């Protein structure tokens, strides 16, 4: 993850995709997140650098176009995306937008889930932003892969 000044965070994803570790530009830990083994609803739990709970995110809906995020420090956020577009927004419990993300490349690029993220200053900590964006990114990649496999299976069945 980068900003105009350079690297903000580095994300290392486990081979299974059920866990990721985030470090800052100097290599200091920011957060660790892991996904529950049960797929529906998908739950992610993130902890801070000292192992204390940071947030819990749970996807909602059949097509997983939204997610509810509970911040450990208090507050509930709603992530809303689209089944057709790759952008998303995060609102607080009052409906105020605290973060938006738009794709930086086309859907046909090698990096279709590369986002340009903007946040309202002072609303979220860096670890929370990185965890939320990466959880959503992972969820959308999985949904896209599932839809592609389903479309291929449907096409094969009609042959």
C-alpha atoms as a PDB file:
ATOM      1  CA  UNK A   1       0.000   0.000   0.000  1.00  0.00           C
ATOM      2  CA  UNK A   2       1.477   3.348  -1.037  1.00  0.00           C
ATOM      3  CA  UNK A   3       0.627   7.011  -0.885  1.00  0.00           C
ATOM      4  CA  UNK A   4       2.223  10.040  -2.549  1.00  0.00           C
ATOM      5  CA  UNK A   5       5.150   9.800  -0.101  1.00  0.00           C
ATOM      6  CA  UNK A   6       5.901   6.130  -0.794  1.00  0.00           C
ATOM      7  CA  UNK A   7       5.173   2.857   0.998  1.00  0.00           C
ATOM      8  CA  UNK A   8       2.669   3.057   3.855  1.00  0.00           C
ATOM      9  CA  UNK A   9       2.249  -0.647   4.519  1.00  0.00           C
ATOM     10  CA  UNK A  10       3.242  -4.055   3.234  1.00  0.00           C
ATOM     11  CA  UNK A  11       0.789  -6.944   3.208  1.00  0.00           C
ATOM     12  CA  UNK A  12       1.942 -10.558   3.363  1.00  0.00           C
ATOM     13  CA  UNK A  13      -0.828 -13.059   2.594  1.00  0.00           C
ATOM     14  CA  UNK A  14      -0.695 -16.682   3.711  1.00  0.00           C
ATOM     15  CA  UNK A  15      -0.601 -19.395   1.084  1.00  0.00           C
ATOM     16  CA  UNK A  16      -4.200 -20.367   1.896  1.00  0.00           C
ATOM     17  CA  UNK A  17      -5.446 -16.774   1.748  1.00  0.00           C
ATOM     18  CA  UNK A  18      -7.083 -17.070   5.166  1.00  0.00           C
ATOM     19  CA  UNK A  19      -4.582 -14.829   6.975  1.00  0.00           C
ATOM     20  CA  UNK A  20      -2.536 -11.720   6.270  1.00  0.00           C
ATOM     21  CA  UNK A  21       0.082  -9.722   8.159  1.00  0.00           C
ATOM     22  CA  UNK A  22       0.559  -5.976   7.676  1.00  0.00           C
ATOM     23  CA  UNK A  23       3.747  -4.077   8.492  1.00  0.00           C
ATOM     24  CA  UNK A  24       4.516  -0.389   8.110  1.00  0.00           C
ATOM     25  CA  UNK A  25       7.217   1.045   5.816  1.00  0.00           C
ATOM     26  CA  UNK A  26       9.920   0.336   8.439  1.00  0.00           C
ATOM     27  CA  UNK A  27       8.769  -3.255   8.934  1.00  0.00           C
ATOM     28  CA  UNK A  28       7.041  -2.679  12.285  1.00  0.00           C
ATOM     29  CA  UNK A  29       3.823  -4.717  12.702  1.00  0.00           C
ATOM     30  CA  UNK A  30       0.514  -2.889  12.138  1.00  0.00           C
ATOM     31  CA  UNK A  31      -2.031  -5.708  12.251  1.00  0.00           C
ATOM     32  CA  UNK A  32      -2.769  -9.354  11.598  1.00  0.00           C
ATOM     33  CA  UNK A  33      -6.085 -10.603  10.229  1.00  0.00           C
ATOM     34  CA  UNK A  34      -7.498 -14.074   9.834  1.00  0.00           C
ATOM     35  CA  UNK A  35     -10.663 -15.385   8.269  1.00  0.00           C
ATOM     36  CA  UNK A  36     -12.981 -17.841   9.921  1.00  0.00           C
ATOM     37  CA  UNK A  37     -12.980 -21.296   8.369  1.00  0.00           C
ATOM     38  CA  UNK A  38     -16.723 -21.232   7.829  1.00  0.00           C
ATOM     39  CA  UNK A  39     -17.543 -19.519   4.516  1.00  0.00           C
ATOM     40  CA  UNK A  40     -21.043 -18.087   5.088  1.00  0.00           C
ATOM     41  CA  UNK A  41     -21.034 -15.497   6.448  1.00  0.00           C
ATOM     42  CA  UNK A  42     -17.353 -14.778   6.046  1.00  0.00           C
ATOM     43  CA  UNK A  43     -15.859 -13.295   9.208  1.00  0.00           C
ATOM     44  CA  UNK A  44     -12.475 -11.694   9.531  1.00  0.00           C
ATOM     45  CA  UNK A  45     -10.850 -10.881  12.871  1.00  0.00           C
ATOM     46  CA  UNK A  46      -7.994  -8.379  12.955  1.00  0.00           C
ATOM     47  CA  UNK A  47      -5.654  -7.727  15.854  1.00  0.00           C
ATOM     48  CA  UNK A  48      -3.235  -4.895  16.466  1.00  0.00           C
ATOM     49  CA  UNK A  49       0.553  -5.207  16.682  1.00  0.00           C
ATOM     50  CA  UNK A  50       0.344  -6.302  20.318  1.00  0.00           C
ATOM     51  CA  UNK A  51      -2.292  -8.974  19.644  1.00  0.00           C
ATOM     52  CA  UNK A  52      -5.230  -7.010  21.050  1.00  0.00           C
ATOM     53  CA  UNK A  53      -8.456  -7.073  18.994  1.00  0.00           C
ATOM     54  CA  UNK A  54      -8.665  -4.328  16.347  1.00  0.00           C
ATOM     55  CA  UNK A  55     -11.830  -5.100  14.384  1.00  0.00           C
ATOM     56  CA  UNK A  56     -14.202  -7.788  13.199  1.00  0.00           C
ATOM     57  CA  UNK A  57     -15.630  -7.723   9.670  1.00  0.00           C
ATOM     58  CA  UNK A  58     -18.517  -9.864   8.432  1.00  0.00           C
ATOM     59  CA  UNK A  59     -19.687  -9.951   4.834  1.00  0.00           C
ATOM     60  CA  UNK A  60     -23.412  -9.780   4.217  1.00  0.00           C
ATOM     61  CA  UNK A  61     -25.705 -10.904   1.443  1.00  0.00           C
ATOM     62  CA  UNK A  62     -25.553 -13.738  -1.027  1.00  0.00           C
ATOM     63  CA  UNK A  63     -23.316 -11.797  -3.411  1.00  0.00           C
ATOM     64  CA  UNK A  64     -21.331 -10.270  -0.546  1.00  0.00           C
ATOM     65  CA  UNK A  65     -21.893  -6.698  -1.737  1.00  0.00           C
ATOM     66  CA  UNK A  66     -21.697  -5.314   1.789  1.00  0.00           C
ATOM     67  CA  UNK A  67     -19.861  -5.947   5.021  1.00  0.00           C
ATOM     68  CA  UNK A  68     -20.339  -4.856   8.593  1.00  0.00           C
ATOM     69  CA  UNK A  69     -17.231  -3.829  10.515  1.00  0.00           C
ATOM     70  CA  UNK A  70     -17.152  -3.572  14.306  1.00  0.00           C
ATOM     71  CA  UNK A  71     -14.214  -1.541  15.576  1.00  0.00           C
ATOM     72  CA  UNK A  72     -12.861  -2.757  18.906  1.00  0.00           C
ATOM     73  CA  UNK A  73     -12.396   0.861  20.050  1.00  0.00           C
ATOM     74  CA  UNK A  74     -16.105   1.396  19.457  1.00  0.00           C
ATOM     75  CA  UNK A  75     -18.248   2.046  16.449  1.00  0.00           C
ATOM     76  CA  UNK A  76     -19.780   0.184  13.584  1.00  0.00           C
ATOM     77  CA  UNK A  77     -18.993   0.730   9.914  1.00  0.00           C
ATOM     78  CA  UNK A  78     -20.781  -0.438   6.805  1.00  0.00           C
ATOM     79  CA  UNK A  79     -18.846  -1.292   3.651  1.00  0.00           C
ATOM     80  CA  UNK A  80     -20.954  -1.141   0.499  1.00  0.00           C
ATOM     81  CA  UNK A  81     -19.863  -2.240  -2.920  1.00  0.00           C
ATOM     82  CA  UNK A  82     -21.531  -3.419  -6.068  1.00  0.00           C
ATOM     83  CA  UNK A  83     -21.842  -6.766  -7.755  1.00  0.00           C
ATOM     84  CA  UNK A  84     -21.118  -4.976 -11.069  1.00  0.00           C
ATOM     85  CA  UNK A  85     -18.546  -2.320 -10.201  1.00  0.00           C
ATOM     86  CA  UNK A  86     -15.350  -2.658  -8.195  1.00  0.00           C
ATOM     87  CA  UNK A  87     -15.525   0.583  -6.191  1.00  0.00           C
ATOM     88  CA  UNK A  88     -16.776   0.705  -2.604  1.00  0.00           C
ATOM     89  CA  UNK A  89     -17.425   3.089   0.257  1.00  0.00           C
ATOM     90  CA  UNK A  90     -17.338   2.826   4.012  1.00  0.00           C
ATOM     91  CA  UNK A  91     -19.838   4.724   6.167  1.00  0.00           C
ATOM     92  CA  UNK A  92     -20.076   5.136   9.930  1.00  0.00           C
ATOM     93  CA  UNK A  93     -23.150   4.448  12.066  1.00  0.00           C
ATOM     94  CA  UNK A  94     -24.502   7.927  11.184  1.00  0.00           C
ATOM     95  CA  UNK A  95     -24.253   7.281   7.444  1.00  0.00           C
ATOM     96  CA  UNK A  96     -21.263   9.599   6.976  1.00  0.00           C
ATOM     97  CA  UNK A  97     -18.673   8.427   4.455  1.00  0.00           C
ATOM     98  CA  UNK A  98     -15.313   7.765   6.149  1.00  0.00           C
ATOM     99  CA  UNK A  99     -13.495   6.009   3.281  1.00  0.00           C
ATOM    100  CA  UNK A 100     -13.932   5.532  -0.463  1.00  0.00           C
ATOM    101  CA  UNK A 101     -12.023   3.306  -2.840  1.00  0.00           C
ATOM    102  CA  UNK A 102     -12.040   3.244  -6.619  1.00  0.00           C
ATOM    103  CA  UNK A 103     -10.172   0.880  -8.940  1.00  0.00           C
ATOM    104  CA  UNK A 104      -6.963   2.304 -10.391  1.00  0.00           C
ATOM    105  CA  UNK A 105      -6.963  -0.051 -13.368  1.00  0.00           C
ATOM    106  CA  UNK A 106      -9.396  -1.708 -15.750  1.00  0.00           C
ATOM    107  CA  UNK A 107     -11.075  -5.006 -14.941  1.00  0.00           C
ATOM    108  CA  UNK A 108      -8.997  -6.654 -17.668  1.00  0.00           C
ATOM    109  CA  UNK A 109      -5.654  -5.546 -16.233  1.00  0.00           C
ATOM    110  CA  UNK A 110      -3.257  -7.773 -14.305  1.00  0.00           C
ATOM    111  CA  UNK A 111      -4.146  -5.786 -11.154  1.00  0.00           C
ATOM    112  CA  UNK A 112      -7.944  -5.370 -11.256  1.00  0.00           C
ATOM    113  CA  UNK A 113      -8.176  -4.984  -7.459  1.00  0.00           C
ATOM    114  CA  UNK A 114      -5.654  -2.157  -7.132  1.00  0.00           C
ATOM    115  CA  UNK A 115      -7.533   0.663  -5.364  1.00  0.00           C
ATOM    116  CA  UNK A 116      -7.093   4.395  -4.969  1.00  0.00           C
ATOM    117  CA  UNK A 117      -8.278   4.982  -1.389  1.00  0.00           C
ATOM    118  CA  UNK A 118      -9.395   8.254   0.162  1.00  0.00           C
ATOM    119  CA  UNK A 119     -10.339   8.622   3.793  1.00  0.00           C
ATOM    120  CA  UNK A 120     -11.733  11.338   5.984  1.00  0.00           C
ATOM    121  CA  UNK A 121      -8.825  12.430   8.211  1.00  0.00           C
ATOM    122  CA  UNK A 122      -9.019  11.390  11.857  1.00  0.00           C
ATOM    123  CA  UNK A 123     -11.760   8.798  11.467  1.00  0.00           C
ATOM    124  CA  UNK A 124      -9.725   5.590  11.063  1.00  0.00           C
ATOM    125  CA  UNK A 125      -6.250   4.466  12.058  1.00  0.00           C
ATOM    126  CA  UNK A 126      -3.857   3.240   9.348  1.00  0.00           C
ATOM    127  CA  UNK A 127      -4.124  -0.377  10.541  1.00  0.00           C
ATOM    128  CA  UNK A 128      -7.934  -0.195  10.346  1.00  0.00           C
ATOM    129  CA  UNK A 129      -7.838   1.273   6.828  1.00  0.00           C
ATOM    130  CA  UNK A 130      -5.407  -1.353   5.545  1.00  0.00           C
ATOM    131  CA  UNK A 131      -7.341  -4.213   7.172  1.00  0.00           C
ATOM    132  CA  UNK A 132     -10.726  -3.049   5.822  1.00  0.00           C
ATOM    133  CA  UNK A 133      -9.438  -2.437   2.287  1.00  0.00           C
ATOM    134  CA  UNK A 134      -7.564  -5.736   2.104  1.00  0.00           C
ATOM    135  CA  UNK A 135     -10.479  -7.729   3.534  1.00  0.00           C
ATOM    136  CA  UNK A 136     -12.806  -6.181   0.947  1.00  0.00           C
ATOM    137  CA  UNK A 137     -10.249  -6.722  -1.817  1.00  0.00           C
ATOM    138  CA  UNK A 138      -9.913 -10.399  -0.873  1.00  0.00           C
ATOM    139  CA  UNK A 139     -13.688 -10.836  -0.689  1.00  0.00           C
ATOM    140  CA  UNK A 140     -14.202  -9.312  -4.150  1.00  0.00           C
ATOM    141  CA  UNK A 141     -11.428 -11.417  -5.683  1.00  0.00           C
ATOM    142  CA  UNK A 142     -13.056 -14.567  -4.276  1.00  0.00           C
ATOM    143  CA  UNK A 143     -16.499 -13.521  -5.515  1.00  0.00           C
ATOM    144  CA  UNK A 144     -15.099 -12.840  -8.972  1.00  0.00           C
ATOM    145  CA  UNK A 145     -13.364 -16.230  -9.066  1.00  0.00           C
ATOM    146  CA  UNK A 146     -16.528 -17.992  -7.855  1.00  0.00           C
ATOM    147  CA  UNK A 147     -18.640 -16.235 -10.487  1.00  0.00           C
ATOM    148  CA  UNK A 148     -16.141 -17.168 -13.205  1.00  0.00           C
ATOM    149  CA  UNK A 149     -16.121 -20.830 -12.187  1.00  0.00           C
ATOM    150  CA  UNK A 150     -19.930 -20.821 -12.024  1.00  0.00           C
ATOM    151  CA  UNK A 151     -20.159 -19.266 -15.494  1.00  0.00           C
ATOM    152  CA  UNK A 152     -17.726 -21.829 -16.893  1.00  0.00           C
ATOM    153  CA  UNK A 153     -19.619 -24.691 -15.276  1.00  0.00           C
ATOM    154  CA  UNK A 154     -22.891 -23.339 -16.679  1.00  0.00           C
ATOM    155  CA  UNK A 155     -21.380 -23.031 -20.152  1.00  0.00           C
ATOM    156  CA  UNK A 156     -20.005 -26.577 -19.975  1.00  0.00           C
ATOM    157  CA  UNK A 157     -23.383 -27.905 -18.900  1.00  0.00           C
ATOM    158  CA  UNK A 158     -25.094 -26.382 -21.946  1.00  0.00           C
ATOM    159  CA  UNK A 159     -22.637 -27.868 -24.458  1.00  0.00           C
END
